[in-house]
Amino acid sequence: MDHKGQPISVVIPGDRGHVFAIPRNRATMPPKISAAFDALEAAYKAEMDTKANDRKAKQAAVDATRAALNDLYDTAAATGVSRRQYHEEGYLYAASKLNRALEEADAALQLLLDHASQYVNPVGVGLAPDTRAKSVATLRLLAGQLTDRVAVPNIDD
């Protein structure tokens, strides 16, 4: 699990460094923010590729990077409400998907426990009442962990 993101830094001569933590899955970024950030990255890469001894080209590249950076900040400020709504909807979708996956995991684990407990039953009918088989013990441990899981928090918490 990556919860810190990918650090990306943009340094413009005469200005402070601008550090961003971008999610590794950029598809989770709102489209307008993603497009503005892609433009910033392209401008910064072009600036880095410009030869230092060509002052006019270097200054033009620095100006293009500064303009792209300002556009990113302006886009983020202008889309504040829609950006939060975008992330809230994405969060709710992911929470629903996680809860459904956990329900499916519970059902699959129950099947595993049923089959494993019957497999190790020496009598051969029904579940083994008290087995110390490693597979069953591990599955019971997993079942306990799934049962004791913490609920997905509300996005505003």
N, C-alpha and C. Protein backbone atom coordinates (compact mmCIF):
# COMPACT_ATOMS: atom_id res chain seq x y z
N MET A 1 0.84 -1.18 0.00
CA MET A 1 0.00 0.00 0.00
C MET A 1 0.88 1.24 0.00
N ASP A 2 0.56 2.13 -0.88
CA ASP A 2 1.30 3.39 -0.96
C ASP A 2 0.38 4.50 -0.49
N HIS A 3 0.72 5.12 0.63
CA HIS A 3 -0.10 6.21 1.13
C HIS A 3 0.64 7.54 1.13
N LYS A 4 1.88 7.53 0.67
CA LYS A 4 2.67 8.76 0.65
C LYS A 4 2.75 9.37 -0.74
N GLY A 5 2.49 8.60 -1.77
CA GLY A 5 2.54 9.11 -3.12
C GLY A 5 3.96 9.18 -3.66
N GLN A 6 4.06 9.72 -4.83
CA GLN A 6 5.34 9.86 -5.51
C GLN A 6 5.76 11.33 -5.39
N PRO A 7 6.88 11.60 -4.68
CA PRO A 7 7.28 13.00 -4.52
C PRO A 7 7.86 13.55 -5.82
N ILE A 8 7.37 14.70 -6.21
CA ILE A 8 7.86 15.38 -7.41
C ILE A 8 8.16 16.81 -7.02
N SER A 9 9.34 17.27 -7.39
CA SER A 9 9.78 18.61 -7.03
C SER A 9 10.05 19.42 -8.29
N VAL A 10 9.62 20.66 -8.27
CA VAL A 10 9.88 21.59 -9.36
C VAL A 10 10.58 22.80 -8.75
N VAL A 11 11.76 23.11 -9.26
CA VAL A 11 12.52 24.25 -8.76
C VAL A 11 12.69 25.24 -9.90
N ILE A 12 12.24 26.46 -9.65
CA ILE A 12 12.37 27.53 -10.63
C ILE A 12 13.43 28.49 -10.09
N PRO A 13 14.42 28.84 -10.91
CA PRO A 13 15.47 29.76 -10.43
C PRO A 13 14.87 31.05 -9.87
N GLY A 14 15.33 31.43 -8.69
CA GLY A 14 14.84 32.63 -8.04
C GLY A 14 13.54 32.43 -7.27
N ASP A 15 13.06 31.22 -7.20
CA ASP A 15 11.80 30.92 -6.52
C ASP A 15 12.07 29.76 -5.57
N ARG A 16 11.12 29.52 -4.70
CA ARG A 16 11.23 28.37 -3.78
C ARG A 16 10.99 27.07 -4.55
N GLY A 17 11.34 25.96 -3.93
CA GLY A 17 11.02 24.66 -4.51
C GLY A 17 9.55 24.35 -4.29
N HIS A 18 8.95 23.72 -5.25
CA HIS A 18 7.54 23.32 -5.16
C HIS A 18 7.51 21.80 -5.16
N VAL A 19 7.09 21.23 -4.03
CA VAL A 19 7.09 19.77 -3.87
C VAL A 19 5.65 19.28 -3.84
N PHE A 20 5.38 18.25 -4.62
CA PHE A 20 4.05 17.66 -4.69
C PHE A 20 4.17 16.16 -4.40
N ALA A 21 3.18 15.62 -3.73
CA ALA A 21 3.07 14.17 -3.54
C ALA A 21 1.93 13.71 -4.45
N ILE A 22 2.29 13.10 -5.55
CA ILE A 22 1.32 12.69 -6.55
C ILE A 22 1.01 11.21 -6.36
N PRO A 23 -0.27 10.83 -6.41
CA PRO A 23 -0.59 9.40 -6.28
C PRO A 23 0.03 8.61 -7.43
N ARG A 24 0.50 7.42 -7.11
CA ARG A 24 1.11 6.58 -8.15
C ARG A 24 0.09 6.23 -9.23
N ASN A 25 -1.15 6.10 -8.84
CA ASN A 25 -2.23 5.88 -9.81
C ASN A 25 -2.81 7.24 -10.14
N ARG A 26 -2.30 7.84 -11.18
CA ARG A 26 -2.72 9.20 -11.53
C ARG A 26 -4.16 9.27 -12.02
N ALA A 27 -4.75 8.13 -12.29
CA ALA A 27 -6.15 8.13 -12.71
C ALA A 27 -7.06 8.60 -11.57
N THR A 28 -6.55 8.63 -10.34
CA THR A 28 -7.36 9.11 -9.22
C THR A 28 -7.36 10.63 -9.11
N MET A 29 -6.55 11.28 -9.92
CA MET A 29 -6.52 12.75 -9.91
C MET A 29 -7.65 13.29 -10.80
N PRO A 30 -8.27 14.41 -10.40
CA PRO A 30 -9.29 15.01 -11.27
C PRO A 30 -8.67 15.35 -12.63
N PRO A 31 -9.43 15.21 -13.70
CA PRO A 31 -8.87 15.42 -15.05
C PRO A 31 -8.21 16.78 -15.26
N LYS A 32 -8.82 17.85 -14.75
CA LYS A 32 -8.24 19.18 -14.95
C LYS A 32 -6.92 19.33 -14.20
N ILE A 33 -6.85 18.80 -13.00
CA ILE A 33 -5.62 18.85 -12.22
C ILE A 33 -4.55 17.99 -12.90
N SER A 34 -4.95 16.82 -13.34
CA SER A 34 -4.01 15.92 -14.01
C SER A 34 -3.44 16.56 -15.27
N ALA A 35 -4.28 17.20 -16.06
CA ALA A 35 -3.82 17.85 -17.30
C ALA A 35 -2.87 19.00 -16.98
N ALA A 36 -3.21 19.80 -15.96
CA ALA A 36 -2.34 20.91 -15.57
C ALA A 36 -1.00 20.40 -15.04
N PHE A 37 -1.05 19.29 -14.29
CA PHE A 37 0.20 18.73 -13.76
C PHE A 37 1.04 18.13 -14.89
N ASP A 38 0.40 17.47 -15.84
CA ASP A 38 1.14 16.93 -16.99
C ASP A 38 1.82 18.05 -17.77
N ALA A 39 1.12 19.18 -17.93
CA ALA A 39 1.71 20.34 -18.63
C ALA A 39 2.91 20.89 -17.85
N LEU A 40 2.79 20.92 -16.52
CA LEU A 40 3.91 21.37 -15.70
C LEU A 40 5.11 20.43 -15.85
N GLU A 41 4.85 19.14 -15.80
CA GLU A 41 5.96 18.18 -15.96
C GLU A 41 6.63 18.32 -17.31
N ALA A 42 5.84 18.49 -18.36
CA ALA A 42 6.40 18.63 -19.71
C ALA A 42 7.24 19.91 -19.81
N ALA A 43 6.74 21.00 -19.25
CA ALA A 43 7.49 22.26 -19.29
C ALA A 43 8.78 22.16 -18.49
N TYR A 44 8.71 21.50 -17.32
CA TYR A 44 9.90 21.36 -16.48
C TYR A 44 10.94 20.46 -17.15
N LYS A 45 10.47 19.39 -17.78
CA LYS A 45 11.40 18.50 -18.50
C LYS A 45 12.06 19.26 -19.65
N ALA A 46 11.29 20.06 -20.37
CA ALA A 46 11.85 20.86 -21.46
C ALA A 46 12.87 21.86 -20.91
N GLU A 47 12.57 22.41 -19.75
CA GLU A 47 13.52 23.34 -19.12
C GLU A 47 14.82 22.62 -18.77
N MET A 48 14.70 21.43 -18.22
CA MET A 48 15.91 20.67 -17.84
C MET A 48 16.71 20.25 -19.07
N ASP A 49 16.04 20.06 -20.19
CA ASP A 49 16.73 19.64 -21.42
C ASP A 49 17.35 20.81 -22.18
N THR A 50 16.99 22.03 -21.79
CA THR A 50 17.52 23.22 -22.47
C THR A 50 18.96 23.45 -22.01
N LYS A 51 19.83 23.74 -22.95
CA LYS A 51 21.24 23.96 -22.63
C LYS A 51 21.39 25.25 -21.83
N ALA A 52 22.22 25.19 -20.81
CA ALA A 52 22.40 26.33 -19.91
C ALA A 52 23.07 27.51 -20.59
N ASN A 53 23.88 27.27 -21.61
CA ASN A 53 24.60 28.37 -22.24
C ASN A 53 23.73 29.14 -23.24
N ASP A 54 22.56 28.65 -23.56
CA ASP A 54 21.63 29.36 -24.44
C ASP A 54 20.65 30.12 -23.55
N ARG A 55 21.04 31.34 -23.15
CA ARG A 55 20.29 32.10 -22.16
C ARG A 55 18.86 32.41 -22.57
N LYS A 56 18.64 32.77 -23.81
CA LYS A 56 17.28 33.10 -24.26
C LYS A 56 16.37 31.87 -24.21
N ALA A 57 16.86 30.75 -24.68
CA ALA A 57 16.08 29.52 -24.66
C ALA A 57 15.84 29.06 -23.22
N LYS A 58 16.87 29.19 -22.38
CA LYS A 58 16.73 28.79 -20.98
C LYS A 58 15.70 29.67 -20.28
N GLN A 59 15.74 30.98 -20.52
CA GLN A 59 14.78 31.88 -19.89
C GLN A 59 13.36 31.59 -20.38
N ALA A 60 13.21 31.32 -21.67
CA ALA A 60 11.89 30.98 -22.21
C ALA A 60 11.37 29.69 -21.57
N ALA A 61 12.27 28.73 -21.37
CA ALA A 61 11.86 27.47 -20.74
C ALA A 61 11.47 27.68 -19.28
N VAL A 62 12.22 28.52 -18.57
CA VAL A 62 11.90 28.84 -17.18
C VAL A 62 10.55 29.55 -17.11
N ASP A 63 10.32 30.49 -18.02
CA ASP A 63 9.04 31.20 -18.05
C ASP A 63 7.88 30.25 -18.34
N ALA A 64 8.10 29.30 -19.23
CA ALA A 64 7.05 28.31 -19.55
C ALA A 64 6.76 27.43 -18.34
N THR A 65 7.80 27.07 -17.60
CA THR A 65 7.61 26.26 -16.38
C THR A 65 6.85 27.06 -15.33
N ARG A 66 7.23 28.33 -15.16
CA ARG A 66 6.55 29.19 -14.18
C ARG A 66 5.07 29.36 -14.56
N ALA A 67 4.79 29.55 -15.85
CA ALA A 67 3.40 29.69 -16.30
C ALA A 67 2.61 28.41 -16.05
N ALA A 68 3.23 27.25 -16.32
CA ALA A 68 2.56 25.97 -16.09
C ALA A 68 2.31 25.74 -14.60
N LEU A 69 3.26 26.15 -13.76
CA LEU A 69 3.11 26.02 -12.31
C LEU A 69 1.97 26.91 -11.82
N ASN A 70 1.94 28.15 -12.29
CA ASN A 70 0.86 29.06 -11.91
C ASN A 70 -0.49 28.53 -12.38
N ASP A 71 -0.51 27.94 -13.58
CA ASP A 71 -1.76 27.37 -14.10
C ASP A 71 -2.22 26.20 -13.22
N LEU A 72 -1.28 25.40 -12.75
CA LEU A 72 -1.64 24.29 -11.86
C LEU A 72 -2.26 24.81 -10.57
N TYR A 73 -1.62 25.80 -9.96
CA TYR A 73 -2.17 26.38 -8.73
C TYR A 73 -3.52 27.05 -8.98
N ASP A 74 -3.65 27.76 -10.10
CA ASP A 74 -4.92 28.40 -10.43
C ASP A 74 -6.02 27.38 -10.66
N THR A 75 -5.69 26.29 -11.35
CA THR A 75 -6.66 25.23 -11.61
C THR A 75 -7.10 24.58 -10.31
N ALA A 76 -6.14 24.33 -9.42
CA ALA A 76 -6.48 23.73 -8.13
C ALA A 76 -7.38 24.65 -7.32
N ALA A 77 -7.09 25.95 -7.34
CA ALA A 77 -7.91 26.90 -6.58
C ALA A 77 -9.31 27.02 -7.19
N ALA A 78 -9.38 27.04 -8.50
CA ALA A 78 -10.67 27.23 -9.19
C ALA A 78 -11.57 26.01 -9.11
N THR A 79 -10.98 24.86 -8.94
CA THR A 79 -11.77 23.63 -8.95
C THR A 79 -11.90 23.02 -7.56
N GLY A 80 -11.73 23.84 -6.53
CA GLY A 80 -11.74 23.32 -5.16
C GLY A 80 -12.99 22.52 -4.81
N VAL A 81 -14.15 23.06 -5.11
CA VAL A 81 -15.41 22.38 -4.76
C VAL A 81 -15.59 21.13 -5.61
N SER A 82 -15.40 21.27 -6.91
CA SER A 82 -15.59 20.10 -7.78
C SER A 82 -14.53 19.04 -7.51
N ARG A 83 -13.32 19.48 -7.14
CA ARG A 83 -12.24 18.53 -6.83
C ARG A 83 -12.60 17.71 -5.59
N ARG A 84 -13.12 18.39 -4.56
CA ARG A 84 -13.53 17.66 -3.36
C ARG A 84 -14.67 16.70 -3.66
N GLN A 85 -15.62 17.14 -4.49
CA GLN A 85 -16.74 16.27 -4.87
C GLN A 85 -16.21 15.07 -5.66
N TYR A 86 -15.27 15.30 -6.56
CA TYR A 86 -14.67 14.22 -7.35
C TYR A 86 -14.04 13.18 -6.43
N HIS A 87 -13.28 13.65 -5.44
CA HIS A 87 -12.62 12.72 -4.52
C HIS A 87 -13.61 12.04 -3.57
N GLU A 88 -14.64 12.77 -3.17
CA GLU A 88 -15.65 12.16 -2.32
C GLU A 88 -16.36 11.02 -3.05
N GLU A 89 -16.72 11.26 -4.30
CA GLU A 89 -17.37 10.21 -5.09
C GLU A 89 -16.43 9.02 -5.30
N GLY A 90 -15.17 9.32 -5.59
CA GLY A 90 -14.19 8.24 -5.74
C GLY A 90 -14.00 7.44 -4.46
N TYR A 91 -14.01 8.14 -3.33
CA TYR A 91 -13.86 7.49 -2.02
C TYR A 91 -15.05 6.58 -1.73
N LEU A 92 -16.25 7.11 -1.97
CA LEU A 92 -17.45 6.31 -1.71
C LEU A 92 -17.50 5.08 -2.61
N TYR A 93 -17.08 5.24 -3.87
CA TYR A 93 -17.03 4.10 -4.79
C TYR A 93 -16.02 3.06 -4.29
N ALA A 94 -14.84 3.52 -3.89
CA ALA A 94 -13.81 2.60 -3.42
C ALA A 94 -14.24 1.91 -2.12
N ALA A 95 -14.92 2.65 -1.23
CA ALA A 95 -15.39 2.05 0.02
C ALA A 95 -16.42 0.96 -0.26
N SER A 96 -17.32 1.22 -1.20
CA SER A 96 -18.31 0.22 -1.58
C SER A 96 -17.64 -1.01 -2.18
N LYS A 97 -16.65 -0.76 -3.02
CA LYS A 97 -15.92 -1.86 -3.65
C LYS A 97 -15.16 -2.69 -2.59
N LEU A 98 -14.55 -2.00 -1.62
CA LEU A 98 -13.83 -2.70 -0.55
C LEU A 98 -14.80 -3.53 0.29
N ASN A 99 -15.93 -2.95 0.67
CA ASN A 99 -16.91 -3.69 1.48
C ASN A 99 -17.43 -4.92 0.75
N ARG A 100 -17.68 -4.78 -0.56
CA ARG A 100 -18.14 -5.92 -1.35
C ARG A 100 -17.04 -7.00 -1.42
N ALA A 101 -15.80 -6.57 -1.60
CA ALA A 101 -14.69 -7.53 -1.66
C ALA A 101 -14.52 -8.25 -0.33
N LEU A 102 -14.70 -7.52 0.77
CA LEU A 102 -14.59 -8.15 2.08
C LEU A 102 -15.72 -9.15 2.32
N GLU A 103 -16.91 -8.82 1.85
CA GLU A 103 -18.03 -9.78 1.95
C GLU A 103 -17.73 -11.03 1.14
N GLU A 104 -17.18 -10.85 -0.05
CA GLU A 104 -16.81 -12.01 -0.88
C GLU A 104 -15.69 -12.81 -0.22
N ALA A 105 -14.76 -12.11 0.43
CA ALA A 105 -13.68 -12.79 1.14
C ALA A 105 -14.24 -13.60 2.31
N ASP A 106 -15.22 -13.02 3.02
CA ASP A 106 -15.87 -13.76 4.12
C ASP A 106 -16.51 -15.05 3.61
N ALA A 107 -17.23 -14.94 2.50
CA ALA A 107 -17.91 -16.12 1.94
C ALA A 107 -16.90 -17.16 1.47
N ALA A 108 -15.83 -16.71 0.83
CA ALA A 108 -14.80 -17.64 0.36
C ALA A 108 -14.10 -18.30 1.54
N LEU A 109 -13.83 -17.53 2.57
CA LEU A 109 -13.18 -18.08 3.75
C LEU A 109 -14.07 -19.10 4.45
N GLN A 110 -15.36 -18.84 4.48
CA GLN A 110 -16.29 -19.81 5.07
C GLN A 110 -16.24 -21.13 4.30
N LEU A 111 -16.21 -21.05 2.96
CA LEU A 111 -16.09 -22.26 2.15
C LEU A 111 -14.79 -23.00 2.44
N LEU A 112 -13.69 -22.25 2.56
CA LEU A 112 -12.41 -22.87 2.88
C LEU A 112 -12.46 -23.58 4.22
N LEU A 113 -13.04 -22.91 5.22
CA LEU A 113 -13.16 -23.52 6.55
C LEU A 113 -14.02 -24.78 6.51
N ASP A 114 -15.15 -24.71 5.81
CA ASP A 114 -16.03 -25.88 5.72
C ASP A 114 -15.30 -27.06 5.09
N HIS A 115 -14.65 -26.82 3.97
CA HIS A 115 -13.96 -27.92 3.29
C HIS A 115 -12.76 -28.43 4.08
N ALA A 116 -11.98 -27.53 4.65
CA ALA A 116 -10.80 -27.95 5.41
C ALA A 116 -11.21 -28.75 6.66
N SER A 117 -12.26 -28.28 7.34
CA SER A 117 -12.71 -28.98 8.55
C SER A 117 -13.28 -30.35 8.22
N GLN A 118 -13.90 -30.51 7.09
CA GLN A 118 -14.41 -31.82 6.70
C GLN A 118 -13.28 -32.72 6.19
N TYR A 119 -12.28 -32.12 5.57
CA TYR A 119 -11.15 -32.89 5.04
C TYR A 119 -10.38 -33.56 6.18
N VAL A 120 -10.20 -32.85 7.30
CA VAL A 120 -9.40 -33.39 8.40
C VAL A 120 -10.23 -34.18 9.41
N ASN A 121 -11.53 -34.34 9.17
CA ASN A 121 -12.39 -35.08 10.11
C ASN A 121 -12.11 -36.57 9.99
N PRO A 122 -11.65 -37.21 11.06
CA PRO A 122 -11.33 -38.63 11.00
C PRO A 122 -12.56 -39.53 10.82
N VAL A 123 -13.73 -39.07 11.29
CA VAL A 123 -14.94 -39.85 11.14
C VAL A 123 -15.47 -39.76 9.72
N GLY A 124 -15.25 -38.62 9.10
CA GLY A 124 -15.62 -38.45 7.71
C GLY A 124 -17.01 -37.92 7.48
N VAL A 125 -17.73 -37.57 8.56
CA VAL A 125 -19.07 -37.01 8.39
C VAL A 125 -19.12 -35.67 9.10
N GLY A 126 -19.35 -34.61 8.35
CA GLY A 126 -19.47 -33.26 8.93
C GLY A 126 -18.13 -32.64 9.27
N LEU A 127 -18.22 -31.57 10.03
CA LEU A 127 -17.02 -30.83 10.41
C LEU A 127 -16.30 -31.50 11.56
N ALA A 128 -14.99 -31.41 11.55
CA ALA A 128 -14.21 -31.94 12.67
C ALA A 128 -14.46 -31.03 13.87
N PRO A 129 -14.87 -31.61 15.00
CA PRO A 129 -15.26 -30.79 16.15
C PRO A 129 -14.10 -29.98 16.74
N ASP A 130 -12.94 -30.58 16.86
CA ASP A 130 -11.80 -29.89 17.46
C ASP A 130 -10.55 -30.37 16.74
N THR A 131 -10.16 -29.62 15.77
CA THR A 131 -8.98 -30.04 15.03
C THR A 131 -7.83 -29.09 15.28
N ARG A 132 -6.65 -29.64 15.24
CA ARG A 132 -5.44 -28.84 15.41
C ARG A 132 -4.68 -28.76 14.09
N ALA A 133 -5.35 -29.13 13.02
CA ALA A 133 -4.70 -29.06 11.71
C ALA A 133 -4.30 -27.62 11.43
N LYS A 134 -3.09 -27.46 10.91
CA LYS A 134 -2.56 -26.12 10.66
C LYS A 134 -3.44 -25.34 9.69
N SER A 135 -3.95 -26.00 8.67
CA SER A 135 -4.78 -25.29 7.69
C SER A 135 -6.03 -24.73 8.34
N VAL A 136 -6.68 -25.53 9.18
CA VAL A 136 -7.91 -25.08 9.83
C VAL A 136 -7.60 -23.97 10.83
N ALA A 137 -6.53 -24.13 11.60
CA ALA A 137 -6.16 -23.12 12.58
C ALA A 137 -5.84 -21.79 11.90
N THR A 138 -5.13 -21.85 10.79
CA THR A 138 -4.79 -20.62 10.05
C THR A 138 -6.05 -19.97 9.49
N LEU A 139 -6.95 -20.78 8.97
CA LEU A 139 -8.20 -20.24 8.44
C LEU A 139 -9.05 -19.61 9.54
N ARG A 140 -9.05 -20.23 10.72
CA ARG A 140 -9.79 -19.64 11.85
C ARG A 140 -9.18 -18.31 12.26
N LEU A 141 -7.85 -18.24 12.21
CA LEU A 141 -7.17 -16.98 12.52
C LEU A 141 -7.55 -15.90 11.50
N LEU A 142 -7.55 -16.27 10.23
CA LEU A 142 -7.97 -15.33 9.19
C LEU A 142 -9.42 -14.88 9.39
N ALA A 143 -10.27 -15.81 9.75
CA ALA A 143 -11.68 -15.48 9.97
C ALA A 143 -11.81 -14.48 11.12
N GLY A 144 -11.03 -14.68 12.16
CA GLY A 144 -11.05 -13.75 13.29
C GLY A 144 -10.59 -12.36 12.88
N GLN A 145 -9.57 -12.30 12.03
CA GLN A 145 -9.08 -11.00 11.58
C GLN A 145 -10.09 -10.30 10.68
N LEU A 146 -10.77 -11.06 9.84
CA LEU A 146 -11.80 -10.44 9.00
C LEU A 146 -12.99 -9.97 9.82
N THR A 147 -13.33 -10.72 10.87
CA THR A 147 -14.45 -10.36 11.73
C THR A 147 -14.13 -9.11 12.54
N ASP A 148 -12.88 -8.98 12.98
CA ASP A 148 -12.47 -7.87 13.84
C ASP A 148 -12.00 -6.65 13.07
N ARG A 149 -12.21 -6.62 11.78
CA ARG A 149 -11.71 -5.50 10.97
C ARG A 149 -12.43 -4.20 11.32
N VAL A 150 -11.73 -3.13 11.09
CA VAL A 150 -12.27 -1.80 11.34
C VAL A 150 -13.09 -1.38 10.13
N ALA A 151 -14.20 -0.75 10.37
CA ALA A 151 -15.06 -0.29 9.26
C ALA A 151 -14.38 0.84 8.51
N VAL A 152 -14.74 1.00 7.26
CA VAL A 152 -14.20 2.10 6.46
C VAL A 152 -14.71 3.41 7.06
N PRO A 153 -13.80 4.33 7.39
CA PRO A 153 -14.26 5.59 8.01
C PRO A 153 -14.95 6.50 7.02
N ASN A 154 -15.78 7.39 7.55
CA ASN A 154 -16.41 8.42 6.75
C ASN A 154 -15.30 9.35 6.24
N ILE A 155 -15.39 9.85 5.03
CA ILE A 155 -14.33 10.68 4.45
C ILE A 155 -14.10 11.96 5.25
N ASP A 156 -15.10 12.44 5.95
CA ASP A 156 -14.96 13.68 6.74
C ASP A 156 -14.39 13.43 8.13
N ASP A 157 -14.23 12.19 8.53
CA ASP A 157 -13.69 11.89 9.87
C ASP A 157 -12.20 12.14 9.93
